[in-house]
Amino acid sequence: MSVTPCIHHEDHDGEHTCRICKEHHCSACIHMGSGICHSCIYKGLIIILVIMVITSYIAWFGLL
């Protein structure tokens, strides 16, 4: 049986799969409640922040 290593930690087994990127991660790299890896969570937060900035710019200057 071949064990897939974690994408970030080569010495750990990738026992969990991220729901978004479908990469194999160890327990330290994935949020257990959501099943999403930390890097996908950070990317999602950045996207939400950019959308909020653009929306506030549109609302502030009355372009909506």
Protein backbone atom coordinates (compact mmCIF):
# COMPACT_ATOMS: atom_id res chain seq x y z
CA MET A 1 0.00 0.00 0.00
CA SER A 2 1.40 3.36 -1.06
CA VAL A 3 0.97 6.24 1.37
CA THR A 4 0.76 9.73 -0.13
CA PRO A 5 2.91 12.26 1.76
CA CYS A 6 1.62 15.63 2.90
CA ILE A 7 2.13 18.34 0.30
CA HIS A 8 3.79 20.67 2.87
CA HIS A 9 5.46 18.12 5.19
CA GLU A 10 7.16 15.32 3.28
CA ASP A 11 7.79 13.28 6.44
CA HIS A 12 4.06 13.14 7.41
CA ASP A 13 1.36 11.02 5.81
CA GLY A 14 -1.27 12.90 3.81
CA GLU A 15 -4.18 11.27 5.56
CA HIS A 16 -6.69 14.06 4.81
CA THR A 17 -7.80 15.59 1.51
CA CYS A 18 -8.76 19.25 1.19
CA ARG A 19 -12.32 19.82 -0.02
CA ILE A 20 -11.25 22.69 -2.30
CA CYS A 21 -7.83 21.90 -3.78
CA LYS A 22 -8.07 18.08 -3.41
CA GLU A 23 -4.44 17.86 -2.22
CA HIS A 24 -3.30 15.46 0.51
CA HIS A 25 -2.49 17.08 3.88
CA CYS A 26 -1.48 15.94 7.35
CA SER A 27 -3.47 16.76 10.47
CA ALA A 28 -1.38 19.89 11.10
CA CYS A 29 -2.17 21.40 7.68
CA ILE A 30 -5.94 20.99 7.61
CA HIS A 31 -8.80 22.49 9.63
CA MET A 32 -10.67 19.51 11.05
CA GLY A 33 -14.05 21.23 11.35
CA SER A 34 -14.32 22.23 7.72
CA GLY A 35 -11.95 19.83 5.99
CA ILE A 36 -10.23 22.72 4.20
CA CYS A 37 -6.45 23.25 4.27
CA HIS A 38 -4.99 26.39 5.80
CA SER A 39 -3.68 27.73 2.49
CA CYS A 40 -7.17 27.52 0.90
CA ILE A 41 -8.65 29.25 3.96
CA TYR A 42 -6.14 32.10 3.60
CA LYS A 43 -6.83 32.39 -0.14
CA GLY A 44 -10.56 32.55 0.56
CA LEU A 45 -10.09 35.25 3.19
CA ILE A 46 -8.00 37.33 0.76
CA ILE A 47 -10.67 37.02 -1.92
CA ILE A 48 -13.37 38.09 0.55
CA LEU A 49 -11.24 41.06 1.63
CA VAL A 50 -10.72 42.19 -1.98
CA ILE A 51 -14.45 41.91 -2.68
CA MET A 52 -15.20 43.96 0.44
CA VAL A 53 -12.73 46.69 -0.60
CA ILE A 54 -14.16 46.88 -4.12
CA THR A 55 -17.72 47.00 -2.78
CA SER A 56 -16.90 49.75 -0.29
CA TYR A 57 -15.16 51.75 -3.04
CA ILE A 58 -18.25 51.46 -5.23
CA ALA A 59 -20.56 52.45 -2.35
CA TRP A 60 -18.34 55.35 -1.24
CA PHE A 61 -18.14 56.97 -4.66
CA GLY A 62 -21.77 56.23 -5.55
CA LEU A 63 -21.03 54.16 -8.59
CA LEU A 64 -23.62 51.60 -7.68
